[in-house]
Amino acid sequence: MKYLVVEDFSGTPIPFIFPERIRHDEMREQLPYAKVLSAGLVELRGGRFVCFGGSAELSLSARKEDEEIVTSRFQPRQR
């Protein structure tokens, strides 16, 4: 899968995960957020998310902190 991490209106990084057949720049056009922080590929390996690669279209790369950002969205919500 591919992903983008964008900064929402409050400054929080938000990951968007989408199929590899969609280009990063195509997905970026669909999002209302102004700032894209990173882009790349994401895989689940050994029970953890691994982010790597980048987007030639957006001139962005995966960052190590992206793994934590993606993982945090798959944690149970505190009620």
PDB file of N, CA and C in Angstrom:
ATOM      1  N   MET A   1       0.846  -1.173   0.000  1.00  0.00           N
ATOM      2  CA  MET A   1       0.000   0.000   0.000  1.00  0.00           C
ATOM      3  C   MET A   1       0.892   1.237   0.000  1.00  0.00           C
ATOM      4  N   LYS A   2       0.332   2.331  -0.521  1.00  0.00           N
ATOM      5  CA  LYS A   2       1.015   3.618  -0.474  1.00  0.00           C
ATOM      6  C   LYS A   2       0.426   4.436   0.666  1.00  0.00           C
ATOM      7  N   TYR A   3       1.144   5.484   1.057  1.00  0.00           N
ATOM      8  CA  TYR A   3       0.616   6.373   2.085  1.00  0.00           C
ATOM      9  C   TYR A   3       1.120   7.797   1.890  1.00  0.00           C
ATOM     10  N   LEU A   4       0.363   8.706   2.454  1.00  0.00           N
ATOM     11  CA  LEU A   4       0.749  10.103   2.618  1.00  0.00           C
ATOM     12  C   LEU A   4       0.534  10.448   4.083  1.00  0.00           C
ATOM     13  N   VAL A   5       1.402  11.259   4.644  1.00  0.00           N
ATOM     14  CA  VAL A   5       1.150  11.846   5.954  1.00  0.00           C
ATOM     15  C   VAL A   5       0.979  13.338   5.701  1.00  0.00           C
ATOM     16  N   VAL A   6      -0.174  13.857   6.105  1.00  0.00           N
ATOM     17  CA  VAL A   6      -0.481  15.270   5.943  1.00  0.00           C
ATOM     18  C   VAL A   6      -0.652  15.905   7.314  1.00  0.00           C
ATOM     19  N   GLU A   7      -0.557  17.207   7.348  1.00  0.00           N
ATOM     20  CA  GLU A   7      -0.799  17.940   8.582  1.00  0.00           C
ATOM     21  C   GLU A   7      -2.217  18.477   8.531  1.00  0.00           C
ATOM     22  N   ASP A   8      -3.046  18.109   9.526  1.00  0.00           N
ATOM     23  CA  ASP A   8      -4.424  18.598   9.507  1.00  0.00           C
ATOM     24  C   ASP A   8      -4.472  20.050   9.976  1.00  0.00           C
ATOM     25  N   PHE A   9      -5.667  20.604  10.067  1.00  0.00           N
ATOM     26  CA  PHE A   9      -5.823  22.019  10.357  1.00  0.00           C
ATOM     27  C   PHE A   9      -5.369  22.405  11.757  1.00  0.00           C
ATOM     28  N   SER A  10      -5.246  21.404  12.652  1.00  0.00           N
ATOM     29  CA  SER A  10      -4.760  21.681  14.011  1.00  0.00           C
ATOM     30  C   SER A  10      -3.268  21.389  14.160  1.00  0.00           C
ATOM     31  N   GLY A  11      -2.616  20.964  13.061  1.00  0.00           N
ATOM     32  CA  GLY A  11      -1.190  20.671  13.104  1.00  0.00           C
ATOM     33  C   GLY A  11      -0.851  19.223  13.424  1.00  0.00           C
ATOM     34  N   THR A  12      -1.867  18.366  13.514  1.00  0.00           N
ATOM     35  CA  THR A  12      -1.670  16.953  13.822  1.00  0.00           C
ATOM     36  C   THR A  12      -1.355  16.179  12.539  1.00  0.00           C
ATOM     37  N   PRO A  13      -0.328  15.309  12.564  1.00  0.00           N
ATOM     38  CA  PRO A  13      -0.044  14.493  11.380  1.00  0.00           C
ATOM     39  C   PRO A  13      -1.084  13.375  11.218  1.00  0.00           C
ATOM     40  N   ILE A  14      -1.638  13.260  10.021  1.00  0.00           N
ATOM     41  CA  ILE A  14      -2.684  12.279   9.721  1.00  0.00           C
ATOM     42  C   ILE A  14      -2.220  11.414   8.548  1.00  0.00           C
ATOM     43  N   PRO A  15      -2.226  10.075   8.718  1.00  0.00           N
ATOM     44  CA  PRO A  15      -1.847   9.207   7.603  1.00  0.00           C
ATOM     45  C   PRO A  15      -3.049   8.847   6.729  1.00  0.00           C
ATOM     46  N   PHE A  16      -2.814   8.777   5.437  1.00  0.00           N
ATOM     47  CA  PHE A  16      -3.793   8.272   4.480  1.00  0.00           C
ATOM     48  C   PHE A  16      -3.135   7.101   3.770  1.00  0.00           C
ATOM     49  N   ILE A  17      -3.769   5.937   3.833  1.00  0.00           N
ATOM     50  CA  ILE A  17      -3.250   4.723   3.202  1.00  0.00           C
ATOM     51  C   ILE A  17      -4.159   4.380   2.034  1.00  0.00           C
ATOM     52  N   PHE A  18      -3.557   4.034   0.891  1.00  0.00           N
ATOM     53  CA  PHE A  18      -4.346   3.799  -0.314  1.00  0.00           C
ATOM     54  C   PHE A  18      -3.630   2.800  -1.223  1.00  0.00           C
ATOM     55  N   PRO A  19      -4.341   2.236  -2.202  1.00  0.00           N
ATOM     56  CA  PRO A  19      -3.764   1.208  -3.083  1.00  0.00           C
ATOM     57  C   PRO A  19      -2.605   1.724  -3.926  1.00  0.00           C
ATOM     58  N   GLU A  20      -1.697   0.829  -4.259  1.00  0.00           N
ATOM     59  CA  GLU A  20      -0.508   1.187  -5.041  1.00  0.00           C
ATOM     60  C   GLU A  20      -0.833   1.632  -6.462  1.00  0.00           C
ATOM     61  N   ARG A  21      -1.994   1.275  -7.003  1.00  0.00           N
ATOM     62  CA  ARG A  21      -2.337   1.675  -8.367  1.00  0.00           C
ATOM     63  C   ARG A  21      -2.642   3.171  -8.469  1.00  0.00           C
ATOM     64  N   ILE A  22      -2.863   3.845  -7.340  1.00  0.00           N
ATOM     65  CA  ILE A  22      -3.115   5.284  -7.318  1.00  0.00           C
ATOM     66  C   ILE A  22      -1.788   5.991  -7.060  1.00  0.00           C
ATOM     67  N   ARG A  23      -1.471   6.986  -7.861  1.00  0.00           N
ATOM     68  CA  ARG A  23      -0.229   7.744  -7.668  1.00  0.00           C
ATOM     69  C   ARG A  23      -0.360   8.675  -6.463  1.00  0.00           C
ATOM     70  N   HIS A  24       0.761   8.971  -5.850  1.00  0.00           N
ATOM     71  CA  HIS A  24       0.755   9.872  -4.696  1.00  0.00           C
ATOM     72  C   HIS A  24       0.163  11.237  -5.051  1.00  0.00           C
ATOM     73  N   ASP A  25       0.520  11.770  -6.201  1.00  0.00           N
ATOM     74  CA  ASP A  25       0.017  13.088  -6.578  1.00  0.00           C
ATOM     75  C   ASP A  25      -1.492  13.067  -6.851  1.00  0.00           C
ATOM     76  N   GLU A  26      -2.013  11.942  -7.336  1.00  0.00           N
ATOM     77  CA  GLU A  26      -3.462  11.817  -7.547  1.00  0.00           C
ATOM     78  C   GLU A  26      -4.199  11.850  -6.213  1.00  0.00           C
ATOM     79  N   MET A  27      -3.667  11.136  -5.216  1.00  0.00           N
ATOM     80  CA  MET A  27      -4.305  11.140  -3.896  1.00  0.00           C
ATOM     81  C   MET A  27      -4.168  12.509  -3.251  1.00  0.00           C
ATOM     82  N   ARG A  28      -3.028  13.124  -3.408  1.00  0.00           N
ATOM     83  CA  ARG A  28      -2.792  14.436  -2.818  1.00  0.00           C
ATOM     84  C   ARG A  28      -3.842  15.446  -3.307  1.00  0.00           C
ATOM     85  N   GLU A  29      -4.216  15.371  -4.578  1.00  0.00           N
ATOM     86  CA  GLU A  29      -5.219  16.282  -5.139  1.00  0.00           C
ATOM     87  C   GLU A  29      -6.579  16.132  -4.476  1.00  0.00           C
ATOM     88  N   GLN A  30      -6.852  14.968  -3.895  1.00  0.00           N
ATOM     89  CA  GLN A  30      -8.154  14.697  -3.289  1.00  0.00           C
ATOM     90  C   GLN A  30      -8.252  15.158  -1.836  1.00  0.00           C
ATOM     91  N   LEU A  31      -7.137  15.505  -1.229  1.00  0.00           N
ATOM     92  CA  LEU A  31      -7.116  15.833   0.194  1.00  0.00           C
ATOM     93  C   LEU A  31      -7.188  17.336   0.422  1.00  0.00           C
ATOM     94  N   PRO A  32      -7.965  17.754   1.419  1.00  0.00           N
ATOM     95  CA  PRO A  32      -8.153  19.186   1.650  1.00  0.00           C
ATOM     96  C   PRO A  32      -7.026  19.852   2.433  1.00  0.00           C
ATOM     97  N   TYR A  33      -6.031  19.104   2.854  1.00  0.00           N
ATOM     98  CA  TYR A  33      -4.982  19.656   3.708  1.00  0.00           C
ATOM     99  C   TYR A  33      -3.879  20.302   2.889  1.00  0.00           C
ATOM    100  N   ALA A  34      -3.328  21.389   3.401  1.00  0.00           N
ATOM    101  CA  ALA A  34      -2.339  22.170   2.659  1.00  0.00           C
ATOM    102  C   ALA A  34      -0.945  21.556   2.677  1.00  0.00           C
ATOM    103  N   LYS A  35      -0.571  20.928   3.782  1.00  0.00           N
ATOM    104  CA  LYS A  35       0.813  20.495   3.937  1.00  0.00           C
ATOM    105  C   LYS A  35       0.928  18.970   3.942  1.00  0.00           C
ATOM    106  N   VAL A  36       1.739  18.447   3.016  1.00  0.00           N
ATOM    107  CA  VAL A  36       2.062  17.017   2.997  1.00  0.00           C
ATOM    108  C   VAL A  36       3.445  16.869   3.614  1.00  0.00           C
ATOM    109  N   LEU A  37       3.549  16.031   4.652  1.00  0.00           N
ATOM    110  CA  LEU A  37       4.799  15.874   5.389  1.00  0.00           C
ATOM    111  C   LEU A  37       5.700  14.798   4.800  1.00  0.00           C
ATOM    112  N   SER A  38       5.089  13.711   4.305  1.00  0.00           N
ATOM    113  CA  SER A  38       5.881  12.608   3.768  1.00  0.00           C
ATOM    114  C   SER A  38       5.010  11.710   2.908  1.00  0.00           C
ATOM    115  N   ALA A  39       5.682  10.825   2.155  1.00  0.00           N
ATOM    116  CA  ALA A  39       4.984   9.903   1.264  1.00  0.00           C
ATOM    117  C   ALA A  39       5.866   8.692   1.044  1.00  0.00           C
ATOM    118  N   GLY A  40       5.232   7.556   0.793  1.00  0.00           N
ATOM    119  CA  GLY A  40       5.993   6.343   0.521  1.00  0.00           C
ATOM    120  C   GLY A  40       5.102   5.128   0.453  1.00  0.00           C
ATOM    121  N   LEU A  41       5.694   4.002   0.784  1.00  0.00           N
ATOM    122  CA  LEU A  41       4.988   2.726   0.837  1.00  0.00           C
ATOM    123  C   LEU A  41       4.946   2.264   2.282  1.00  0.00           C
ATOM    124  N   VAL A  42       3.897   1.508   2.633  1.00  0.00           N
ATOM    125  CA  VAL A  42       3.775   0.972   3.984  1.00  0.00           C
ATOM    126  C   VAL A  42       3.384  -0.500   3.885  1.00  0.00           C
ATOM    127  N   GLU A  43       4.028  -1.316   4.713  1.00  0.00           N
ATOM    128  CA  GLU A  43       3.738  -2.751   4.785  1.00  0.00           C
ATOM    129  C   GLU A  43       3.653  -3.162   6.241  1.00  0.00           C
ATOM    130  N   LEU A  44       2.896  -4.222   6.483  1.00  0.00           N
ATOM    131  CA  LEU A  44       2.843  -4.836   7.804  1.00  0.00           C
ATOM    132  C   LEU A  44       3.822  -5.994   7.788  1.00  0.00           C
ATOM    133  N   ARG A  45       4.881  -5.892   8.592  1.00  0.00           N
ATOM    134  CA  ARG A  45       5.926  -6.914   8.644  1.00  0.00           C
ATOM    135  C   ARG A  45       6.114  -7.360  10.086  1.00  0.00           C
ATOM    136  N   GLY A  46       5.918  -8.626  10.324  1.00  0.00           N
ATOM    137  CA  GLY A  46       6.133  -9.139  11.676  1.00  0.00           C
ATOM    138  C   GLY A  46       5.290  -8.449  12.728  1.00  0.00           C
ATOM    139  N   GLY A  47       4.091  -8.051  12.361  1.00  0.00           N
ATOM    140  CA  GLY A  47       3.185  -7.412  13.310  1.00  0.00           C
ATOM    141  C   GLY A  47       3.417  -5.923  13.515  1.00  0.00           C
ATOM    142  N   ARG A  48       4.294  -5.301  12.718  1.00  0.00           N
ATOM    143  CA  ARG A  48       4.501  -3.857  12.841  1.00  0.00           C
ATOM    144  C   ARG A  48       4.505  -3.214  11.457  1.00  0.00           C
ATOM    145  N   PHE A  49       4.135  -1.942  11.420  1.00  0.00           N
ATOM    146  CA  PHE A  49       4.120  -1.199  10.168  1.00  0.00           C
ATOM    147  C   PHE A  49       5.521  -0.707   9.842  1.00  0.00           C
ATOM    148  N   VAL A  50       5.907  -0.865   8.583  1.00  0.00           N
ATOM    149  CA  VAL A  50       7.205  -0.400   8.101  1.00  0.00           C
ATOM    150  C   VAL A  50       6.947   0.551   6.935  1.00  0.00           C
ATOM    151  N   CYS A  51       7.484   1.754   7.031  1.00  0.00           N
ATOM    152  CA  CYS A  51       7.344   2.775   5.987  1.00  0.00           C
ATOM    153  C   CYS A  51       8.680   2.931   5.274  1.00  0.00           C
ATOM    154  N   PHE A  52       8.632   3.006   3.944  1.00  0.00           N
ATOM    155  CA  PHE A  52       9.862   3.087   3.168  1.00  0.00           C
ATOM    156  C   PHE A  52       9.580   3.736   1.818  1.00  0.00           C
ATOM    157  N   GLY A  53      10.645   4.010   1.076  1.00  0.00           N
ATOM    158  CA  GLY A  53      10.492   4.565  -0.265  1.00  0.00           C
ATOM    159  C   GLY A  53      10.123   6.034  -0.240  1.00  0.00           C
ATOM    160  N   GLY A  54       9.423   6.441  -1.272  1.00  0.00           N
ATOM    161  CA  GLY A  54       9.036   7.836  -1.388  1.00  0.00           C
ATOM    162  C   GLY A  54       8.149   8.063  -2.594  1.00  0.00           C
ATOM    163  N   SER A  55       7.979   9.313  -2.936  1.00  0.00           N
ATOM    164  CA  SER A  55       7.146   9.711  -4.067  1.00  0.00           C
ATOM    165  C   SER A  55       7.957  10.636  -4.970  1.00  0.00           C
ATOM    166  N   ALA A  56       8.265  10.154  -6.172  1.00  0.00           N
ATOM    167  CA  ALA A  56       8.971  10.998  -7.141  1.00  0.00           C
ATOM    168  C   ALA A  56       8.080  12.167  -7.564  1.00  0.00           C
ATOM    169  N   GLU A  57       6.760  11.908  -7.664  1.00  0.00           N
ATOM    170  CA  GLU A  57       5.829  12.952  -8.100  1.00  0.00           C
ATOM    171  C   GLU A  57       5.799  14.138  -7.130  1.00  0.00           C
ATOM    172  N   LEU A  58       5.900  13.850  -5.839  1.00  0.00           N
ATOM    173  CA  LEU A  58       5.816  14.903  -4.825  1.00  0.00           C
ATOM    174  C   LEU A  58       7.183  15.284  -4.252  1.00  0.00           C
ATOM    175  N   SER A  59       8.234  14.589  -4.673  1.00  0.00           N
ATOM    176  CA  SER A  59       9.591  14.813  -4.156  1.00  0.00           C
ATOM    177  C   SER A  59       9.633  14.702  -2.632  1.00  0.00           C
ATOM    178  N   LEU A  60       8.978  13.658  -2.112  1.00  0.00           N
ATOM    179  CA  LEU A  60       8.945  13.393  -0.675  1.00  0.00           C
ATOM    180  C   LEU A  60       9.382  11.955  -0.409  1.00  0.00           C
ATOM    181  N   SER A  61       9.875  11.713   0.799  1.00  0.00           N
ATOM    182  CA  SER A  61      10.310  10.377   1.195  1.00  0.00           C
ATOM    183  C   SER A  61       9.622   9.945   2.471  1.00  0.00           C
ATOM    184  N   ALA A  62       9.680   8.640   2.728  1.00  0.00           N
ATOM    185  CA  ALA A  62       9.215   8.091   3.991  1.00  0.00           C
ATOM    186  C   ALA A  62      10.151   8.551   5.105  1.00  0.00           C
ATOM    187  N   ARG A  63       9.595   8.726   6.303  1.00  0.00           N
ATOM    188  CA  ARG A  63      10.391   9.102   7.468  1.00  0.00           C
ATOM    189  C   ARG A  63      10.221   8.030   8.532  1.00  0.00           C
ATOM    190  N   LYS A  64      11.175   7.890   9.402  1.00  0.00           N
ATOM    191  CA  LYS A  64      11.094   6.886  10.467  1.00  0.00           C
ATOM    192  C   LYS A  64       9.868   7.132  11.355  1.00  0.00           C
ATOM    193  N   GLU A  65       9.551   8.395  11.660  1.00  0.00           N
ATOM    194  CA  GLU A  65       8.415   8.701  12.534  1.00  0.00           C
ATOM    195  C   GLU A  65       7.070   8.350  11.897  1.00  0.00           C
ATOM    196  N   ASP A  66       7.042   8.141  10.590  1.00  0.00           N
ATOM    197  CA  ASP A  66       5.794   7.751   9.924  1.00  0.00           C
ATOM    198  C   ASP A  66       5.269   6.430  10.452  1.00  0.00           C
ATOM    199  N   GLU A  67       6.156   5.517  10.796  1.00  0.00           N
ATOM    200  CA  GLU A  67       5.723   4.215  11.316  1.00  0.00           C
ATOM    201  C   GLU A  67       4.910   4.379  12.587  1.00  0.00           C
ATOM    202  N   GLU A  68       5.333   5.262  13.465  1.00  0.00           N
ATOM    203  CA  GLU A  68       4.595   5.515  14.703  1.00  0.00           C
ATOM    204  C   GLU A  68       3.266   6.211  14.415  1.00  0.00           C
ATOM    205  N   ILE A  69       3.261   7.131  13.466  1.00  0.00           N
ATOM    206  CA  ILE A  69       2.034   7.849  13.107  1.00  0.00           C
ATOM    207  C   ILE A  69       0.992   6.876  12.557  1.00  0.00           C
ATOM    208  N   VAL A  70       1.398   5.983  11.657  1.00  0.00           N
ATOM    209  CA  VAL A  70       0.474   4.987  11.096  1.00  0.00           C
ATOM    210  C   VAL A  70       0.009   4.033  12.200  1.00  0.00           C
ATOM    211  N   THR A  71       0.933   3.515  12.989  1.00  0.00           N
ATOM    212  CA  THR A  71       0.595   2.561  14.051  1.00  0.00           C
ATOM    213  C   THR A  71      -0.403   3.157  15.038  1.00  0.00           C
ATOM    214  N   SER A  72      -0.238   4.439  15.370  1.00  0.00           N
ATOM    215  CA  SER A  72      -1.122   5.068  16.357  1.00  0.00           C
ATOM    216  C   SER A  72      -2.574   5.075  15.902  1.00  0.00           C
ATOM    217  N   ARG A  73      -2.816   5.072  14.600  1.00  0.00           N
ATOM    218  CA  ARG A  73      -4.186   5.083  14.080  1.00  0.00           C
ATOM    219  C   ARG A  73      -4.847   3.705  14.127  1.00  0.00           C
ATOM    220  N   PHE A  74      -4.083   2.678  14.443  1.00  0.00           N
ATOM    221  CA  PHE A  74      -4.612   1.323  14.524  1.00  0.00           C
ATOM    222  C   PHE A  74      -4.689   0.816  15.965  1.00  0.00           C
ATOM    223  N   GLN A  75      -4.503   1.715  16.928  1.00  0.00           N
ATOM    224  CA  GLN A  75      -4.612   1.367  18.340  1.00  0.00           C
ATOM    225  C   GLN A  75      -6.065   1.521  18.785  1.00  0.00           C
ATOM    226  N   PRO A  76      -6.495   0.683  19.754  1.00  0.00           N
ATOM    227  CA  PRO A  76      -7.869   0.859  20.276  1.00  0.00           C
ATOM    228  C   PRO A  76      -8.051   2.253  20.873  1.00  0.00           C
ATOM    229  N   ARG A  77      -9.193   2.837  20.630  1.00  0.00           N
ATOM    230  CA  ARG A  77      -9.479   4.155  21.183  1.00  0.00           C
ATOM    231  C   ARG A  77      -9.791   4.046  22.665  1.00  0.00           C
ATOM    232  N   GLN A  78      -9.315   5.029  23.411  1.00  0.00           N
ATOM    233  CA  GLN A  78      -9.627   5.101  24.834  1.00  0.00           C
ATOM    234  C   GLN A  78     -11.024   5.683  24.992  1.00  0.00           C
ATOM    235  N   ARG A  79     -11.839   5.048  25.773  1.00  0.00           N
ATOM    236  CA  ARG A  79     -13.222   5.541  25.978  1.00  0.00           C
ATOM    237  C   ARG A  79     -13.385   6.168  27.325  1.00  0.00           C
TER     238      ARG A  79
END
